[in-house]
Amino acid sequence: MFFMESYNTVVSESKLVFAKRGNKVVKKFRCTVGKRKGRVVSSPAQCSAPIDLKKRFVLKKTKASKGARMAKKAQRTKRINPASKIVKQLNKARR
């Protein structure tokens, strides 16, 4: 009984999506509840895991200084990289 209860909780707090890891397409999960709501994570257990505040503040500083540069590079990758195009198509089909 405990297994089924925990399984149902895990399924309800995340949604399956496709993402890139390097140049490979992998299955990941989008959190639907908790502190990481809307974020893509590798396992549903991470949705309720505690936040590492040091990493959060480091990224905040990095985005403040290099945010525009990061965004431009990400948009270029999404436009050019074949794996990114595949991920976009797979996630569009899942809607």
PDB file of N, CA and C in Angstrom:
ATOM      1  N   MET A   1       0.818  -1.198   0.000  1.00  0.00           N
ATOM      2  CA  MET A   1       0.000   0.000   0.000  1.00  0.00           C
ATOM      3  C   MET A   1       0.861   1.261   0.000  1.00  0.00           C
ATOM      4  N   PHE A   2       1.922   1.258   0.808  1.00  0.00           N
ATOM      5  CA  PHE A   2       2.802   2.425   0.893  1.00  0.00           C
ATOM      6  C   PHE A   2       3.431   2.740  -0.459  1.00  0.00           C
ATOM      7  N   PHE A   3       3.825   1.689  -1.188  1.00  0.00           N
ATOM      8  CA  PHE A   3       4.443   1.893  -2.502  1.00  0.00           C
ATOM      9  C   PHE A   3       3.480   2.621  -3.435  1.00  0.00           C
ATOM     10  N   MET A   4       2.233   2.181  -3.471  1.00  0.00           N
ATOM     11  CA  MET A   4       1.248   2.800  -4.365  1.00  0.00           C
ATOM     12  C   MET A   4       0.992   4.260  -3.974  1.00  0.00           C
ATOM     13  N   GLU A   5       0.929   4.543  -2.675  1.00  0.00           N
ATOM     14  CA  GLU A   5       0.702   5.915  -2.234  1.00  0.00           C
ATOM     15  C   GLU A   5       1.838   6.820  -2.677  1.00  0.00           C
ATOM     16  N   SER A   6       3.077   6.385  -2.469  1.00  0.00           N
ATOM     17  CA  SER A   6       4.222   7.212  -2.852  1.00  0.00           C
ATOM     18  C   SER A   6       4.309   7.341  -4.370  1.00  0.00           C
ATOM     19  N   TYR A   7       3.965   6.294  -5.080  1.00  0.00           N
ATOM     20  CA  TYR A   7       4.003   6.339  -6.537  1.00  0.00           C
ATOM     21  C   TYR A   7       3.001   7.361  -7.058  1.00  0.00           C
ATOM     22  N   ASN A   8       1.807   7.372  -6.528  1.00  0.00           N
ATOM     23  CA  ASN A   8       0.783   8.327  -6.955  1.00  0.00           C
ATOM     24  C   ASN A   8       1.202   9.762  -6.663  1.00  0.00           C
ATOM     25  N   THR A   9       1.851   9.988  -5.539  1.00  0.00           N
ATOM     26  CA  THR A   9       2.314  11.320  -5.185  1.00  0.00           C
ATOM     27  C   THR A   9       3.360  11.793  -6.179  1.00  0.00           C
ATOM     28  N   VAL A  10       4.301  10.935  -6.508  1.00  0.00           N
ATOM     29  CA  VAL A  10       5.373  11.279  -7.438  1.00  0.00           C
ATOM     30  C   VAL A  10       4.807  11.627  -8.804  1.00  0.00           C
ATOM     31  N   VAL A  11       3.857  10.830  -9.275  1.00  0.00           N
ATOM     32  CA  VAL A  11       3.284  11.056 -10.600  1.00  0.00           C
ATOM     33  C   VAL A  11       2.521  12.375 -10.633  1.00  0.00           C
ATOM     34  N   SER A  12       1.796  12.698  -9.566  1.00  0.00           N
ATOM     35  CA  SER A  12       0.969  13.899  -9.577  1.00  0.00           C
ATOM     36  C   SER A  12       1.783  15.193  -9.438  1.00  0.00           C
ATOM     37  N   GLU A  13       2.999  15.114  -8.909  1.00  0.00           N
ATOM     38  CA  GLU A  13       3.741  16.352  -8.716  1.00  0.00           C
ATOM     39  C   GLU A  13       4.688  16.679  -9.864  1.00  0.00           C
ATOM     40  N   SER A  14       4.668  15.890 -10.941  1.00  0.00           N
ATOM     41  CA  SER A  14       5.520  16.206 -12.082  1.00  0.00           C
ATOM     42  C   SER A  14       4.911  15.683 -13.380  1.00  0.00           C
ATOM     43  N   LYS A  15       5.391  16.247 -14.482  1.00  0.00           N
ATOM     44  CA  LYS A  15       4.894  15.918 -15.808  1.00  0.00           C
ATOM     45  C   LYS A  15       6.093  15.553 -16.683  1.00  0.00           C
ATOM     46  N   LEU A  16       5.977  14.530 -17.492  1.00  0.00           N
ATOM     47  CA  LEU A  16       7.086  14.080 -18.332  1.00  0.00           C
ATOM     48  C   LEU A  16       7.308  15.039 -19.505  1.00  0.00           C
ATOM     49  N   VAL A  17       8.567  15.445 -19.719  1.00  0.00           N
ATOM     50  CA  VAL A  17       8.942  16.289 -20.856  1.00  0.00           C
ATOM     51  C   VAL A  17      10.273  15.781 -21.417  1.00  0.00           C
ATOM     52  N   PHE A  18      10.640  16.274 -22.577  1.00  0.00           N
ATOM     53  CA  PHE A  18      11.935  15.937 -23.163  1.00  0.00           C
ATOM     54  C   PHE A  18      12.861  17.135 -23.013  1.00  0.00           C
ATOM     55  N   ALA A  19      14.155  16.851 -22.843  1.00  0.00           N
ATOM     56  CA  ALA A  19      15.152  17.917 -22.687  1.00  0.00           C
ATOM     57  C   ALA A  19      16.478  17.445 -23.264  1.00  0.00           C
ATOM     58  N   LYS A  20      17.425  18.380 -23.332  1.00  0.00           N
ATOM     59  CA  LYS A  20      18.760  18.064 -23.824  1.00  0.00           C
ATOM     60  C   LYS A  20      19.697  17.795 -22.665  1.00  0.00           C
ATOM     61  N   ARG A  21      20.574  16.809 -22.836  1.00  0.00           N
ATOM     62  CA  ARG A  21      21.713  16.639 -21.931  1.00  0.00           C
ATOM     63  C   ARG A  21      22.902  16.515 -22.872  1.00  0.00           C
ATOM     64  N   GLY A  22      23.677  17.590 -22.982  1.00  0.00           N
ATOM     65  CA  GLY A  22      24.737  17.632 -23.988  1.00  0.00           C
ATOM     66  C   GLY A  22      24.064  17.731 -25.352  1.00  0.00           C
ATOM     67  N   ASN A  23      24.365  16.805 -26.228  1.00  0.00           N
ATOM     68  CA  ASN A  23      23.703  16.776 -27.535  1.00  0.00           C
ATOM     69  C   ASN A  23      22.753  15.594 -27.664  1.00  0.00           C
ATOM     70  N   LYS A  24      22.353  15.028 -26.510  1.00  0.00           N
ATOM     71  CA  LYS A  24      21.414  13.903 -26.523  1.00  0.00           C
ATOM     72  C   LYS A  24      20.063  14.351 -26.005  1.00  0.00           C
ATOM     73  N   VAL A  25      19.012  13.712 -26.480  1.00  0.00           N
ATOM     74  CA  VAL A  25      17.653  14.001 -26.015  1.00  0.00           C
ATOM     75  C   VAL A  25      17.309  12.986 -24.930  1.00  0.00           C
ATOM     76  N   VAL A  26      16.870  13.469 -23.759  1.00  0.00           N
ATOM     77  CA  VAL A  26      16.536  12.596 -22.627  1.00  0.00           C
ATOM     78  C   VAL A  26      15.157  12.971 -22.071  1.00  0.00           C
ATOM     79  N   LYS A  27      14.567  12.043 -21.311  1.00  0.00           N
ATOM     80  CA  LYS A  27      13.300  12.317 -20.644  1.00  0.00           C
ATOM     81  C   LYS A  27      13.588  12.967 -19.308  1.00  0.00           C
ATOM     82  N   LYS A  28      12.863  14.028 -19.001  1.00  0.00           N
ATOM     83  CA  LYS A  28      12.971  14.702 -17.703  1.00  0.00           C
ATOM     84  C   LYS A  28      11.561  15.002 -17.215  1.00  0.00           C
ATOM     85  N   PHE A  29      11.458  15.701 -16.098  1.00  0.00           N
ATOM     86  CA  PHE A  29      10.168  15.970 -15.491  1.00  0.00           C
ATOM     87  C   PHE A  29      10.022  17.452 -15.201  1.00  0.00           C
ATOM     88  N   ARG A  30       8.812  17.990 -15.421  1.00  0.00           N
ATOM     89  CA  ARG A  30       8.515  19.376 -15.077  1.00  0.00           C
ATOM     90  C   ARG A  30       7.705  19.362 -13.784  1.00  0.00           C
ATOM     91  N   CYS A  31       8.205  20.042 -12.755  1.00  0.00           N
ATOM     92  CA  CYS A  31       7.525  20.075 -11.457  1.00  0.00           C
ATOM     93  C   CYS A  31       6.227  20.876 -11.576  1.00  0.00           C
ATOM     94  N   THR A  32       5.151  20.351 -11.013  1.00  0.00           N
ATOM     95  CA  THR A  32       3.866  21.045 -11.053  1.00  0.00           C
ATOM     96  C   THR A  32       3.495  21.639  -9.694  1.00  0.00           C
ATOM     97  N   VAL A  33       4.202  21.239  -8.631  1.00  0.00           N
ATOM     98  CA  VAL A  33       3.964  21.787  -7.293  1.00  0.00           C
ATOM     99  C   VAL A  33       5.298  21.998  -6.581  1.00  0.00           C
ATOM    100  N   GLY A  34       5.255  22.718  -5.482  1.00  0.00           N
ATOM    101  CA  GLY A  34       6.450  22.879  -4.648  1.00  0.00           C
ATOM    102  C   GLY A  34       7.280  24.093  -5.016  1.00  0.00           C
ATOM    103  N   LYS A  35       8.463  24.179  -4.414  1.00  0.00           N
ATOM    104  CA  LYS A  35       9.352  25.319  -4.611  1.00  0.00           C
ATOM    105  C   LYS A  35       9.909  25.377  -6.023  1.00  0.00           C
ATOM    106  N   ARG A  36       9.954  24.249  -6.687  1.00  0.00           N
ATOM    107  CA  ARG A  36      10.506  24.191  -8.043  1.00  0.00           C
ATOM    108  C   ARG A  36       9.412  24.131  -9.108  1.00  0.00           C
ATOM    109  N   LYS A  37       8.256  24.663  -8.830  1.00  0.00           N
ATOM    110  CA  LYS A  37       7.139  24.615  -9.765  1.00  0.00           C
ATOM    111  C   LYS A  37       7.534  25.242 -11.110  1.00  0.00           C
ATOM    112  N   GLY A  38       7.331  24.490 -12.197  1.00  0.00           N
ATOM    113  CA  GLY A  38       7.655  24.977 -13.531  1.00  0.00           C
ATOM    114  C   GLY A  38       9.061  24.630 -13.989  1.00  0.00           C
ATOM    115  N   ARG A  39       9.917  24.166 -13.098  1.00  0.00           N
ATOM    116  CA  ARG A  39      11.300  23.852 -13.436  1.00  0.00           C
ATOM    117  C   ARG A  39      11.429  22.428 -13.953  1.00  0.00           C
ATOM    118  N   VAL A  40      12.331  22.207 -14.892  1.00  0.00           N
ATOM    119  CA  VAL A  40      12.596  20.873 -15.430  1.00  0.00           C
ATOM    120  C   VAL A  40      13.716  20.240 -14.611  1.00  0.00           C
ATOM    121  N   VAL A  41      13.440  19.039 -14.073  1.00  0.00           N
ATOM    122  CA  VAL A  41      14.410  18.322 -13.238  1.00  0.00           C
ATOM    123  C   VAL A  41      14.554  16.891 -13.738  1.00  0.00           C
ATOM    124  N   SER A  42      15.633  16.226 -13.346  1.00  0.00           N
ATOM    125  CA  SER A  42      15.893  14.882 -13.854  1.00  0.00           C
ATOM    126  C   SER A  42      15.074  13.797 -13.159  1.00  0.00           C
ATOM    127  N   SER A  43      14.633  14.041 -11.913  1.00  0.00           N
ATOM    128  CA  SER A  43      13.782  13.056 -11.242  1.00  0.00           C
ATOM    129  C   SER A  43      12.697  13.773 -10.452  1.00  0.00           C
ATOM    130  N   PRO A  44      11.504  13.185 -10.339  1.00  0.00           N
ATOM    131  CA  PRO A  44      10.403  13.841  -9.634  1.00  0.00           C
ATOM    132  C   PRO A  44      10.697  14.101  -8.159  1.00  0.00           C
ATOM    133  N   ALA A  45      11.610  13.334  -7.567  1.00  0.00           N
ATOM    134  CA  ALA A  45      11.954  13.525  -6.158  1.00  0.00           C
ATOM    135  C   ALA A  45      12.584  14.894  -5.912  1.00  0.00           C
ATOM    136  N   GLN A  46      13.200  15.475  -6.945  1.00  0.00           N
ATOM    137  CA  GLN A  46      13.854  16.770  -6.791  1.00  0.00           C
ATOM    138  C   GLN A  46      12.861  17.919  -6.623  1.00  0.00           C
ATOM    139  N   CYS A  47      11.601  17.705  -6.987  1.00  0.00           N
ATOM    140  CA  CYS A  47      10.602  18.775  -6.888  1.00  0.00           C
ATOM    141  C   CYS A  47      10.412  19.239  -5.451  1.00  0.00           C
ATOM    142  N   SER A  48      10.545  18.319  -4.498  1.00  0.00           N
ATOM    143  CA  SER A  48      10.326  18.678  -3.098  1.00  0.00           C
ATOM    144  C   SER A  48      11.634  18.737  -2.304  1.00  0.00           C
ATOM    145  N   ALA A  49      12.772  18.606  -2.963  1.00  0.00           N
ATOM    146  CA  ALA A  49      14.067  18.649  -2.277  1.00  0.00           C
ATOM    147  C   ALA A  49      14.366  20.076  -1.818  1.00  0.00           C
ATOM    148  N   PRO A  50      15.143  20.247  -0.753  1.00  0.00           N
ATOM    149  CA  PRO A  50      15.463  21.601  -0.286  1.00  0.00           C
ATOM    150  C   PRO A  50      16.320  22.365  -1.300  1.00  0.00           C
ATOM    151  N   ILE A  51      16.130  23.671  -1.342  1.00  0.00           N
ATOM    152  CA  ILE A  51      16.853  24.542  -2.274  1.00  0.00           C
ATOM    153  C   ILE A  51      18.254  24.836  -1.721  1.00  0.00           C
ATOM    154  N   ASP A  52      19.265  24.775  -2.595  1.00  0.00           N
ATOM    155  CA  ASP A  52      20.629  25.158  -2.219  1.00  0.00           C
ATOM    156  C   ASP A  52      20.756  26.669  -2.447  1.00  0.00           C
ATOM    157  N   LEU A  53      20.695  27.434  -1.368  1.00  0.00           N
ATOM    158  CA  LEU A  53      20.663  28.893  -1.478  1.00  0.00           C
ATOM    159  C   LEU A  53      21.937  29.479  -2.072  1.00  0.00           C
ATOM    160  N   LYS A  54      23.083  28.868  -1.793  1.00  0.00           N
ATOM    161  CA  LYS A  54      24.348  29.382  -2.332  1.00  0.00           C
ATOM    162  C   LYS A  54      24.320  29.345  -3.862  1.00  0.00           C
ATOM    163  N   LYS A  55      23.882  28.217  -4.433  1.00  0.00           N
ATOM    164  CA  LYS A  55      23.798  28.100  -5.889  1.00  0.00           C
ATOM    165  C   LYS A  55      22.809  29.106  -6.465  1.00  0.00           C
ATOM    166  N   ARG A  56      21.689  29.310  -5.751  1.00  0.00           N
ATOM    167  CA  ARG A  56      20.668  30.248  -6.216  1.00  0.00           C
ATOM    168  C   ARG A  56      21.235  31.666  -6.308  1.00  0.00           C
ATOM    169  N   PHE A  57      21.987  32.099  -5.285  1.00  0.00           N
ATOM    170  CA  PHE A  57      22.540  33.456  -5.284  1.00  0.00           C
ATOM    171  C   PHE A  57      23.656  33.619  -6.307  1.00  0.00           C
ATOM    172  N   VAL A  58      24.451  32.563  -6.522  1.00  0.00           N
ATOM    173  CA  VAL A  58      25.520  32.629  -7.524  1.00  0.00           C
ATOM    174  C   VAL A  58      24.908  32.810  -8.922  1.00  0.00           C
ATOM    175  N   LEU A  59      23.861  32.055  -9.224  1.00  0.00           N
ATOM    176  CA  LEU A  59      23.217  32.190 -10.540  1.00  0.00           C
ATOM    177  C   LEU A  59      22.575  33.566 -10.690  1.00  0.00           C
ATOM    178  N   LYS A  60      22.005  34.084  -9.604  1.00  0.00           N
ATOM    179  CA  LYS A  60      21.386  35.410  -9.648  1.00  0.00           C
ATOM    180  C   LYS A  60      22.418  36.478 -10.013  1.00  0.00           C
ATOM    181  N   LYS A  61      23.621  36.366  -9.421  1.00  0.00           N
ATOM    182  CA  LYS A  61      24.709  37.313  -9.725  1.00  0.00           C
ATOM    183  C   LYS A  61      25.184  37.160 -11.164  1.00  0.00           C
ATOM    184  N   THR A  62      25.312  35.901 -11.606  1.00  0.00           N
ATOM    185  CA  THR A  62      25.767  35.635 -12.970  1.00  0.00           C
ATOM    186  C   THR A  62      24.781  36.207 -13.982  1.00  0.00           C
ATOM    187  N   LYS A  63      23.486  36.003 -13.744  1.00  0.00           N
ATOM    188  CA  LYS A  63      22.459  36.529 -14.656  1.00  0.00           C
ATOM    189  C   LYS A  63      22.463  38.048 -14.682  1.00  0.00           C
ATOM    190  N   ALA A  64      22.747  38.663 -13.534  1.00  0.00           N
ATOM    191  CA  ALA A  64      22.792  40.124 -13.478  1.00  0.00           C
ATOM    192  C   ALA A  64      23.914  40.671 -14.352  1.00  0.00           C
ATOM    193  N   SER A  65      25.049  39.967 -14.368  1.00  0.00           N
ATOM    194  CA  SER A  65      26.192  40.478 -15.135  1.00  0.00           C
ATOM    195  C   SER A  65      26.215  39.987 -16.578  1.00  0.00           C
ATOM    196  N   LYS A  66      25.794  38.761 -16.810  1.00  0.00           N
ATOM    197  CA  LYS A  66      25.913  38.180 -18.153  1.00  0.00           C
ATOM    198  C   LYS A  66      24.583  37.682 -18.718  1.00  0.00           C
ATOM    199  N   GLY A  67      23.485  38.182 -18.200  1.00  0.00           N
ATOM    200  CA  GLY A  67      22.159  37.698 -18.575  1.00  0.00           C
ATOM    201  C   GLY A  67      21.847  37.814 -20.063  1.00  0.00           C
ATOM    202  N   ALA A  68      22.121  38.982 -20.643  1.00  0.00           N
ATOM    203  CA  ALA A  68      21.824  39.205 -22.060  1.00  0.00           C
ATOM    204  C   ALA A  68      22.669  38.277 -22.930  1.00  0.00           C
ATOM    205  N   ARG A  69      23.928  38.118 -22.543  1.00  0.00           N
ATOM    206  CA  ARG A  69      24.854  37.244 -23.281  1.00  0.00           C
ATOM    207  C   ARG A  69      24.380  35.783 -23.230  1.00  0.00           C
ATOM    208  N   MET A  70      23.946  35.344 -22.032  1.00  0.00           N
ATOM    209  CA  MET A  70      23.450  33.973 -21.849  1.00  0.00           C
ATOM    210  C   MET A  70      22.200  33.740 -22.702  1.00  0.00           C
ATOM    211  N   ALA A  71      21.299  34.721 -22.698  1.00  0.00           N
ATOM    212  CA  ALA A  71      20.047  34.594 -23.444  1.00  0.00           C
ATOM    213  C   ALA A  71      20.302  34.508 -24.941  1.00  0.00           C
ATOM    214  N   LYS A  72      21.220  35.338 -25.427  1.00  0.00           N
ATOM    215  CA  LYS A  72      21.547  35.340 -26.855  1.00  0.00           C
ATOM    216  C   LYS A  72      22.141  33.992 -27.288  1.00  0.00           C
ATOM    217  N   LYS A  73      23.031  33.460 -26.443  1.00  0.00           N
ATOM    218  CA  LYS A  73      23.665  32.173 -26.740  1.00  0.00           C
ATOM    219  C   LYS A  73      22.634  31.038 -26.724  1.00  0.00           C
ATOM    220  N   ALA A  74      21.717  31.088 -25.770  1.00  0.00           N
ATOM    221  CA  ALA A  74      20.674  30.056 -25.666  1.00  0.00           C
ATOM    222  C   ALA A  74      19.757  30.087 -26.891  1.00  0.00           C
ATOM    223  N   GLN A  75      19.392  31.292 -27.339  1.00  0.00           N
ATOM    224  CA  GLN A  75      18.521  31.411 -28.511  1.00  0.00           C
ATOM    225  C   GLN A  75      19.221  30.893 -29.766  1.00  0.00           C
ATOM    226  N   ARG A  76      20.518  31.161 -29.881  1.00  0.00           N
ATOM    227  CA  ARG A  76      21.286  30.667 -31.026  1.00  0.00           C
ATOM    228  C   ARG A  76      21.327  29.144 -31.022  1.00  0.00           C
ATOM    229  N   THR A  77      21.559  28.552 -29.847  1.00  0.00           N
ATOM    230  CA  THR A  77      21.605  27.094 -29.713  1.00  0.00           C
ATOM    231  C   THR A  77      20.268  26.486 -30.104  1.00  0.00           C
ATOM    232  N   LYS A  78      19.182  27.064 -29.615  1.00  0.00           N
ATOM    233  CA  LYS A  78      17.850  26.526 -29.902  1.00  0.00           C
ATOM    234  C   LYS A  78      17.509  26.608 -31.386  1.00  0.00           C
ATOM    235  N   ARG A  79      18.073  27.602 -32.060  1.00  0.00           N
ATOM    236  CA  ARG A  79      17.821  27.773 -33.485  1.00  0.00           C
ATOM    237  C   ARG A  79      18.660  26.823 -34.333  1.00  0.00           C
ATOM    238  N   ILE A  80      19.900  26.522 -33.910  1.00  0.00           N
ATOM    239  CA  ILE A  80      20.865  25.823 -34.751  1.00  0.00           C
ATOM    240  C   ILE A  80      21.056  24.351 -34.392  1.00  0.00           C
ATOM    241  N   ASN A  81      21.134  24.019 -33.106  1.00  0.00           N
ATOM    242  CA  ASN A  81      21.444  22.668 -32.658  1.00  0.00           C
ATOM    243  C   ASN A  81      20.330  21.669 -33.024  1.00  0.00           C
ATOM    244  N   PRO A  82      20.649  20.582 -33.733  1.00  0.00           N
ATOM    245  CA  PRO A  82      19.633  19.600 -34.132  1.00  0.00           C
ATOM    246  C   PRO A  82      18.912  18.969 -32.934  1.00  0.00           C
ATOM    247  N   ALA A  83      19.636  18.719 -31.845  1.00  0.00           N
ATOM    248  CA  ALA A  83      19.011  18.129 -30.657  1.00  0.00           C
ATOM    249  C   ALA A  83      17.967  19.081 -30.075  1.00  0.00           C
ATOM    250  N   SER A  84      18.243  20.370 -30.094  1.00  0.00           N
ATOM    251  CA  SER A  84      17.293  21.360 -29.587  1.00  0.00           C
ATOM    252  C   SER A  84      16.024  21.388 -30.435  1.00  0.00           C
ATOM    253  N   LYS A  85      16.210  21.257 -31.741  1.00  0.00           N
ATOM    254  CA  LYS A  85      15.054  21.247 -32.645  1.00  0.00           C
ATOM    255  C   LYS A  85      14.183  20.018 -32.394  1.00  0.00           C
ATOM    256  N   ILE A  86      14.818  18.873 -32.140  1.00  0.00           N
ATOM    257  CA  ILE A  86      14.090  17.626 -31.859  1.00  0.00           C
ATOM    258  C   ILE A  86      13.312  17.769 -30.551  1.00  0.00           C
ATOM    259  N   VAL A  87      13.953  18.331 -29.519  1.00  0.00           N
ATOM    260  CA  VAL A  87      13.299  18.534 -28.223  1.00  0.00           C
ATOM    261  C   VAL A  87      12.074  19.434 -28.390  1.00  0.00           C
ATOM    262  N   LYS A  88      12.228  20.497 -29.147  1.00  0.00           N
ATOM    263  CA  LYS A  88      11.125  21.427 -29.380  1.00  0.00           C
ATOM    264  C   LYS A  88       9.946  20.713 -30.037  1.00  0.00           C
ATOM    265  N   GLN A  89      10.226  19.898 -31.025  1.00  0.00           N
ATOM    266  CA  GLN A  89       9.177  19.175 -31.754  1.00  0.00           C
ATOM    267  C   GLN A  89       8.500  18.142 -30.857  1.00  0.00           C
ATOM    268  N   LEU A  90       9.295  17.406 -30.069  1.00  0.00           N
ATOM    269  CA  LEU A  90       8.729  16.379 -29.186  1.00  0.00           C
ATOM    270  C   LEU A  90       7.824  16.995 -28.122  1.00  0.00           C
ATOM    271  N   ASN A  91       8.253  18.110 -27.540  1.00  0.00           N
ATOM    272  CA  ASN A  91       7.450  18.755 -26.503  1.00  0.00           C
ATOM    273  C   ASN A  91       6.206  19.434 -27.078  1.00  0.00           C
ATOM    274  N   LYS A  92       6.294  19.876 -28.317  1.00  0.00           N
ATOM    275  CA  LYS A  92       5.131  20.474 -28.968  1.00  0.00           C
ATOM    276  C   LYS A  92       4.063  19.405 -29.198  1.00  0.00           C
ATOM    277  N   ALA A  93       4.506  18.196 -29.561  1.00  0.00           N
ATOM    278  CA  ALA A  93       3.581  17.090 -29.822  1.00  0.00           C
ATOM    279  C   ALA A  93       2.883  16.624 -28.541  1.00  0.00           C
ATOM    280  N   ARG A  94       3.523  16.829 -27.372  1.00  0.00           N
ATOM    281  CA  ARG A  94       2.977  16.361 -26.087  1.00  0.00           C
ATOM    282  C   ARG A  94       1.880  17.272 -25.550  1.00  0.00           C
ATOM    283  N   ARG A  95       1.733  18.463 -26.086  1.00  0.00           N
ATOM    284  CA  ARG A  95       0.727  19.410 -25.560  1.00  0.00           C
ATOM    285  C   ARG A  95      -0.661  18.939 -25.766  1.00  0.00           C
TER     286      ARG A  95
END
